[in-house]
Amino acid sequence: MNLHPLDTFEYEYVGNRIEIEFTSSEFTAICPFSDFPDFATLRIRYAPNRRCIELKSLKLYINSFREVKIFHEHVVNKILEDFVAACDPLEFHIEGDFNLRGNIKTVIRASYRKEKPKRAPALARRN
């Protein structure tokens, strides 16, 4: 897949939890079976950790799916993987709301939550 890279910038308020939401109502990819276009509205919500996604790169990334043959389920998982790899968010949620096709409506959701670092066990004191 030749997708546009997701660019990031430093989040200057690390520790101040915020949520950022994006909606893209013009997502398009190609059905691998029929070669017809699939259309969807993507809803993305994330809580940045140390990096934020730059909006123009997100737009170009989403638009770069237009020539890609990919299943709905894989679209959502691919975006989740790429987003997490790019900015290591605290949380990430995506919903792909695909247009009706053949009398079937498809909505796919996926989420990611950064694991909190495990604390080392306390050492037992010896007397």
N, C-alpha and C. Protein backbone atom coordinates (compact mmCIF):
# COMPACT_ATOMS: atom_id res chain seq x y z
N MET A 1 0.84 -1.18 0.00
CA MET A 1 0.00 0.00 0.00
C MET A 1 0.88 1.24 0.00
N ASN A 2 0.61 2.11 -0.90
CA ASN A 2 1.39 3.34 -1.00
C ASN A 2 0.58 4.48 -0.37
N LEU A 3 0.58 4.55 0.95
CA LEU A 3 -0.21 5.56 1.67
C LEU A 3 0.69 6.73 2.06
N HIS A 4 0.10 7.92 2.05
CA HIS A 4 0.81 9.11 2.48
C HIS A 4 1.17 8.97 3.96
N PRO A 5 2.38 9.35 4.37
CA PRO A 5 2.75 9.20 5.79
C PRO A 5 1.99 10.17 6.68
N LEU A 6 1.76 9.74 7.91
CA LEU A 6 1.15 10.61 8.92
C LEU A 6 2.25 11.39 9.62
N ASP A 7 2.17 12.70 9.56
CA ASP A 7 3.15 13.57 10.23
C ASP A 7 2.62 13.94 11.61
N THR A 8 3.53 14.23 12.51
CA THR A 8 3.15 14.59 13.87
C THR A 8 3.87 15.86 14.31
N PHE A 9 3.39 16.42 15.41
CA PHE A 9 4.08 17.53 16.06
C PHE A 9 4.00 17.30 17.56
N GLU A 10 4.90 17.95 18.29
CA GLU A 10 4.99 17.76 19.73
C GLU A 10 3.76 18.35 20.43
N TYR A 11 3.19 17.56 21.33
CA TYR A 11 2.10 18.05 22.19
C TYR A 11 2.76 18.69 23.41
N GLU A 12 2.60 19.99 23.56
CA GLU A 12 3.32 20.74 24.59
C GLU A 12 2.71 20.65 25.98
N TYR A 13 1.57 19.98 26.11
CA TYR A 13 0.89 19.93 27.40
C TYR A 13 0.77 18.50 27.90
N VAL A 14 1.86 17.76 27.80
CA VAL A 14 1.88 16.36 28.25
C VAL A 14 1.41 16.32 29.71
N GLY A 15 0.50 15.41 29.99
CA GLY A 15 -0.09 15.32 31.34
C GLY A 15 -1.46 15.97 31.41
N ASN A 16 -1.75 16.94 30.52
CA ASN A 16 -3.08 17.53 30.42
C ASN A 16 -3.84 16.72 29.38
N ARG A 17 -4.71 15.86 29.84
CA ARG A 17 -5.43 14.98 28.93
C ARG A 17 -6.49 15.76 28.14
N ILE A 18 -6.42 15.62 26.82
CA ILE A 18 -7.43 16.18 25.94
C ILE A 18 -7.86 15.09 24.98
N GLU A 19 -9.00 15.27 24.36
CA GLU A 19 -9.44 14.38 23.30
C GLU A 19 -9.62 15.19 22.03
N ILE A 20 -9.17 14.63 20.93
CA ILE A 20 -9.26 15.27 19.63
C ILE A 20 -10.13 14.39 18.75
N GLU A 21 -11.08 15.01 18.05
CA GLU A 21 -11.98 14.26 17.16
C GLU A 21 -11.85 14.77 15.73
N PHE A 22 -11.84 13.82 14.80
CA PHE A 22 -11.84 14.13 13.38
C PHE A 22 -13.00 13.39 12.74
N THR A 23 -13.62 14.01 11.77
CA THR A 23 -14.62 13.34 10.94
C THR A 23 -14.26 13.59 9.49
N SER A 24 -14.22 12.51 8.72
CA SER A 24 -13.98 12.60 7.29
C SER A 24 -15.14 11.94 6.58
N SER A 25 -15.96 12.73 5.93
CA SER A 25 -17.18 12.20 5.31
C SER A 25 -16.98 11.80 3.85
N GLU A 26 -15.75 11.87 3.36
CA GLU A 26 -15.50 11.57 1.95
C GLU A 26 -14.48 10.45 1.77
N PHE A 27 -14.41 9.51 2.71
CA PHE A 27 -13.46 8.41 2.57
C PHE A 27 -13.87 7.52 1.40
N THR A 28 -12.89 7.11 0.61
CA THR A 28 -13.13 6.22 -0.52
C THR A 28 -12.00 5.21 -0.62
N ALA A 29 -12.37 3.95 -0.86
CA ALA A 29 -11.42 2.88 -1.17
C ALA A 29 -12.09 2.01 -2.23
N ILE A 30 -11.38 1.00 -2.70
CA ILE A 30 -11.90 0.13 -3.76
C ILE A 30 -12.22 -1.25 -3.18
N CYS A 31 -13.38 -1.78 -3.52
CA CYS A 31 -13.76 -3.13 -3.09
C CYS A 31 -12.88 -4.14 -3.82
N PRO A 32 -12.20 -5.04 -3.10
CA PRO A 32 -11.32 -6.01 -3.75
C PRO A 32 -12.06 -7.02 -4.63
N PHE A 33 -13.35 -7.25 -4.38
CA PHE A 33 -14.12 -8.21 -5.19
C PHE A 33 -14.69 -7.58 -6.45
N SER A 34 -15.33 -6.43 -6.30
CA SER A 34 -16.06 -5.85 -7.43
C SER A 34 -15.29 -4.77 -8.19
N ASP A 35 -14.25 -4.25 -7.58
CA ASP A 35 -13.51 -3.10 -8.12
C ASP A 35 -14.33 -1.81 -8.14
N PHE A 36 -15.49 -1.81 -7.45
CA PHE A 36 -16.29 -0.59 -7.32
C PHE A 36 -15.80 0.19 -6.10
N PRO A 37 -16.02 1.50 -6.11
CA PRO A 37 -15.61 2.29 -4.94
C PRO A 37 -16.53 2.04 -3.74
N ASP A 38 -15.92 2.04 -2.57
CA ASP A 38 -16.66 2.02 -1.30
C ASP A 38 -16.50 3.40 -0.67
N PHE A 39 -17.60 3.93 -0.15
CA PHE A 39 -17.60 5.25 0.48
C PHE A 39 -17.93 5.10 1.96
N ALA A 40 -17.33 5.97 2.77
CA ALA A 40 -17.58 5.89 4.20
C ALA A 40 -17.36 7.24 4.86
N THR A 41 -17.92 7.36 6.04
CA THR A 41 -17.59 8.45 6.95
C THR A 41 -16.71 7.84 8.03
N LEU A 42 -15.53 8.42 8.22
CA LEU A 42 -14.63 7.97 9.28
C LEU A 42 -14.73 8.93 10.45
N ARG A 43 -14.85 8.37 11.62
CA ARG A 43 -14.84 9.17 12.86
C ARG A 43 -13.67 8.68 13.70
N ILE A 44 -12.78 9.59 14.00
CA ILE A 44 -11.57 9.27 14.76
C ILE A 44 -11.56 10.14 16.02
N ARG A 45 -11.26 9.50 17.14
CA ARG A 45 -11.12 10.23 18.41
C ARG A 45 -9.88 9.68 19.11
N TYR A 46 -9.02 10.59 19.57
CA TYR A 46 -7.84 10.11 20.29
C TYR A 46 -7.41 11.08 21.37
N ALA A 47 -6.67 10.54 22.33
CA ALA A 47 -6.07 11.34 23.40
C ALA A 47 -4.56 11.31 23.17
N PRO A 48 -3.95 12.45 22.84
CA PRO A 48 -2.52 12.45 22.56
C PRO A 48 -1.69 12.16 23.80
N ASN A 49 -0.53 11.59 23.55
CA ASN A 49 0.43 11.33 24.60
C ASN A 49 1.49 12.44 24.52
N ARG A 50 2.47 12.26 23.66
CA ARG A 50 3.52 13.26 23.46
C ARG A 50 3.51 13.88 22.07
N ARG A 51 2.76 13.28 21.13
CA ARG A 51 2.72 13.74 19.75
C ARG A 51 1.27 13.84 19.29
N CYS A 52 0.99 14.81 18.42
CA CYS A 52 -0.32 14.97 17.78
C CYS A 52 -0.17 14.74 16.29
N ILE A 53 -1.25 14.32 15.65
CA ILE A 53 -1.26 14.15 14.20
C ILE A 53 -1.50 15.49 13.53
N GLU A 54 -0.70 15.79 12.54
CA GLU A 54 -0.84 17.03 11.78
C GLU A 54 -1.99 16.85 10.78
N LEU A 55 -2.91 17.81 10.73
CA LEU A 55 -4.16 17.65 9.98
C LEU A 55 -4.00 17.48 8.47
N LYS A 56 -3.12 18.24 7.86
CA LYS A 56 -2.96 18.10 6.41
C LYS A 56 -2.46 16.70 6.06
N SER A 57 -1.53 16.17 6.84
CA SER A 57 -1.03 14.82 6.55
C SER A 57 -2.13 13.79 6.75
N LEU A 58 -3.02 14.01 7.73
CA LEU A 58 -4.15 13.10 7.93
C LEU A 58 -5.08 13.12 6.72
N LYS A 59 -5.35 14.31 6.21
CA LYS A 59 -6.19 14.43 5.01
C LYS A 59 -5.57 13.70 3.83
N LEU A 60 -4.29 13.91 3.60
CA LEU A 60 -3.60 13.26 2.49
C LEU A 60 -3.52 11.75 2.69
N TYR A 61 -3.33 11.32 3.93
CA TYR A 61 -3.30 9.89 4.26
C TYR A 61 -4.65 9.25 3.94
N ILE A 62 -5.73 9.86 4.42
CA ILE A 62 -7.07 9.33 4.17
C ILE A 62 -7.37 9.31 2.67
N ASN A 63 -7.02 10.38 1.96
CA ASN A 63 -7.26 10.43 0.53
C ASN A 63 -6.43 9.42 -0.25
N SER A 64 -5.32 8.98 0.31
CA SER A 64 -4.47 8.04 -0.41
C SER A 64 -5.05 6.63 -0.48
N PHE A 65 -6.15 6.38 0.22
CA PHE A 65 -6.84 5.08 0.13
C PHE A 65 -7.67 4.97 -1.15
N ARG A 66 -7.86 6.07 -1.88
CA ARG A 66 -8.78 6.09 -3.02
C ARG A 66 -8.48 5.05 -4.09
N GLU A 67 -7.24 4.67 -4.25
CA GLU A 67 -6.86 3.69 -5.27
C GLU A 67 -6.52 2.33 -4.66
N VAL A 68 -6.79 2.15 -3.37
CA VAL A 68 -6.40 0.93 -2.67
C VAL A 68 -7.56 -0.06 -2.63
N LYS A 69 -7.27 -1.30 -3.00
CA LYS A 69 -8.26 -2.38 -2.88
C LYS A 69 -8.12 -2.95 -1.47
N ILE A 70 -9.18 -2.74 -0.66
CA ILE A 70 -9.10 -3.12 0.74
C ILE A 70 -10.50 -3.34 1.30
N PHE A 71 -10.65 -4.34 2.15
CA PHE A 71 -11.93 -4.62 2.80
C PHE A 71 -12.21 -3.59 3.89
N HIS A 72 -13.49 -3.38 4.17
CA HIS A 72 -13.90 -2.42 5.21
C HIS A 72 -13.19 -2.70 6.53
N GLU A 73 -13.20 -3.96 6.93
CA GLU A 73 -12.61 -4.35 8.22
C GLU A 73 -11.12 -4.02 8.27
N HIS A 74 -10.46 -4.19 7.12
CA HIS A 74 -9.03 -3.93 7.08
C HIS A 74 -8.72 -2.44 7.06
N VAL A 75 -9.60 -1.65 6.47
CA VAL A 75 -9.43 -0.19 6.48
C VAL A 75 -9.31 0.30 7.91
N VAL A 76 -10.27 -0.07 8.74
CA VAL A 76 -10.31 0.41 10.12
C VAL A 76 -9.08 -0.04 10.90
N ASN A 77 -8.69 -1.29 10.73
CA ASN A 77 -7.52 -1.80 11.44
C ASN A 77 -6.22 -1.18 10.92
N LYS A 78 -6.12 -0.95 9.63
CA LYS A 78 -4.91 -0.33 9.05
C LYS A 78 -4.75 1.09 9.58
N ILE A 79 -5.83 1.85 9.61
CA ILE A 79 -5.75 3.22 10.13
C ILE A 79 -5.37 3.21 11.60
N LEU A 80 -5.96 2.32 12.38
CA LEU A 80 -5.61 2.20 13.80
C LEU A 80 -4.12 1.92 13.94
N GLU A 81 -3.60 0.93 13.23
CA GLU A 81 -2.18 0.57 13.34
C GLU A 81 -1.28 1.74 12.95
N ASP A 82 -1.58 2.39 11.85
CA ASP A 82 -0.73 3.49 11.37
C ASP A 82 -0.77 4.68 12.33
N PHE A 83 -1.95 4.99 12.85
CA PHE A 83 -2.11 6.12 13.76
C PHE A 83 -1.33 5.87 15.05
N VAL A 84 -1.47 4.67 15.61
CA VAL A 84 -0.77 4.33 16.85
C VAL A 84 0.75 4.36 16.62
N ALA A 85 1.20 3.82 15.49
CA ALA A 85 2.63 3.82 15.19
C ALA A 85 3.17 5.25 15.02
N ALA A 86 2.36 6.14 14.47
CA ALA A 86 2.82 7.51 14.20
C ALA A 86 2.91 8.36 15.46
N CYS A 87 1.93 8.26 16.37
CA CYS A 87 1.92 9.22 17.48
C CYS A 87 1.79 8.62 18.87
N ASP A 88 1.72 7.28 19.00
CA ASP A 88 1.68 6.63 20.31
C ASP A 88 0.67 7.28 21.26
N PRO A 89 -0.61 7.33 20.88
CA PRO A 89 -1.61 8.01 21.71
C PRO A 89 -1.92 7.24 23.00
N LEU A 90 -2.52 7.95 23.94
CA LEU A 90 -3.00 7.28 25.15
C LEU A 90 -4.20 6.40 24.82
N GLU A 91 -5.07 6.92 23.95
CA GLU A 91 -6.25 6.17 23.49
C GLU A 91 -6.52 6.55 22.05
N PHE A 92 -7.13 5.60 21.33
CA PHE A 92 -7.51 5.85 19.94
C PHE A 92 -8.77 5.06 19.65
N HIS A 93 -9.74 5.72 19.04
CA HIS A 93 -11.00 5.06 18.66
C HIS A 93 -11.32 5.46 17.22
N ILE A 94 -11.75 4.49 16.44
CA ILE A 94 -12.12 4.77 15.05
C ILE A 94 -13.42 4.06 14.72
N GLU A 95 -14.25 4.73 13.95
CA GLU A 95 -15.48 4.14 13.42
C GLU A 95 -15.51 4.39 11.92
N GLY A 96 -15.67 3.33 11.18
CA GLY A 96 -15.88 3.43 9.73
C GLY A 96 -17.34 3.14 9.44
N ASP A 97 -18.07 4.16 9.04
CA ASP A 97 -19.50 4.05 8.75
C ASP A 97 -19.65 4.03 7.22
N PHE A 98 -19.69 2.80 6.66
CA PHE A 98 -19.67 2.63 5.21
C PHE A 98 -21.07 2.75 4.63
N ASN A 99 -21.14 3.34 3.45
CA ASN A 99 -22.42 3.54 2.78
C ASN A 99 -23.06 2.20 2.44
N LEU A 100 -24.37 2.23 2.36
CA LEU A 100 -25.15 1.05 2.01
C LEU A 100 -24.68 0.48 0.68
N ARG A 101 -24.51 -0.85 0.66
CA ARG A 101 -24.09 -1.53 -0.57
C ARG A 101 -24.80 -2.87 -0.60
N GLY A 102 -25.56 -3.14 -1.66
CA GLY A 102 -26.25 -4.42 -1.79
C GLY A 102 -27.22 -4.68 -0.64
N ASN A 103 -27.87 -3.62 -0.16
CA ASN A 103 -28.84 -3.70 0.92
C ASN A 103 -28.22 -4.02 2.27
N ILE A 104 -26.90 -3.83 2.41
CA ILE A 104 -26.22 -4.10 3.69
C ILE A 104 -25.45 -2.86 4.12
N LYS A 105 -25.69 -2.47 5.34
CA LYS A 105 -25.00 -1.33 5.95
C LYS A 105 -23.90 -1.88 6.85
N THR A 106 -22.69 -1.35 6.72
CA THR A 106 -21.56 -1.82 7.52
C THR A 106 -21.01 -0.68 8.36
N VAL A 107 -20.88 -0.91 9.67
CA VAL A 107 -20.22 0.01 10.58
C VAL A 107 -19.19 -0.80 11.36
N ILE A 108 -17.96 -0.34 11.32
CA ILE A 108 -16.87 -1.07 11.97
C ILE A 108 -16.19 -0.14 12.96
N ARG A 109 -15.95 -0.65 14.16
CA ARG A 109 -15.30 0.12 15.21
C ARG A 109 -14.08 -0.63 15.73
N ALA A 110 -13.05 0.12 16.07
CA ALA A 110 -11.86 -0.47 16.69
C ALA A 110 -11.30 0.55 17.68
N SER A 111 -10.63 0.04 18.70
CA SER A 111 -10.06 0.91 19.73
C SER A 111 -8.69 0.42 20.17
N TYR A 112 -7.95 1.33 20.71
CA TYR A 112 -6.63 1.04 21.27
C TYR A 112 -6.51 1.84 22.56
N ARG A 113 -5.91 1.23 23.57
CA ARG A 113 -5.61 1.93 24.82
C ARG A 113 -4.20 1.58 25.22
N LYS A 114 -3.37 2.59 25.42
CA LYS A 114 -1.98 2.37 25.81
C LYS A 114 -1.95 1.73 27.19
N GLU A 115 -1.17 0.69 27.29
CA GLU A 115 -1.03 0.04 28.59
C GLU A 115 -0.21 0.92 29.52
N LYS A 116 -0.64 0.97 30.77
CA LYS A 116 0.12 1.72 31.75
C LYS A 116 1.35 0.89 32.12
N PRO A 117 2.48 1.54 32.34
CA PRO A 117 3.68 0.77 32.71
C PRO A 117 3.44 0.01 34.01
N LYS A 118 3.90 -1.22 34.03
CA LYS A 118 3.74 -2.02 35.24
C LYS A 118 4.79 -1.61 36.25
N ARG A 119 4.35 -1.53 37.49
CA ARG A 119 5.27 -1.17 38.56
C ARG A 119 6.06 -2.40 38.95
N ALA A 120 7.31 -2.18 39.24
CA ALA A 120 8.15 -3.28 39.69
C ALA A 120 7.69 -3.71 41.07
N PRO A 121 7.71 -5.01 41.34
CA PRO A 121 7.29 -5.47 42.67
C PRO A 121 8.26 -4.97 43.72
N ALA A 122 7.70 -4.67 44.88
CA ALA A 122 8.54 -4.19 45.99
C ALA A 122 9.42 -5.33 46.47
N LEU A 123 10.66 -4.99 46.80
CA LEU A 123 11.57 -6.00 47.33
C LEU A 123 11.26 -6.26 48.78
N ALA A 124 11.28 -7.51 49.16
CA ALA A 124 11.04 -7.87 50.56
C ALA A 124 12.24 -7.45 51.39
N ARG A 125 11.98 -6.92 52.55
CA ARG A 125 13.05 -6.47 53.44
C ARG A 125 13.53 -7.66 54.25
N ARG A 126 14.83 -7.79 54.38
CA ARG A 126 15.41 -8.83 55.23
C ARG A 126 15.98 -8.18 56.47
N ASN A 127 15.76 -8.81 57.59
CA ASN A 127 16.31 -8.29 58.85
C ASN A 127 17.55 -9.03 59.22
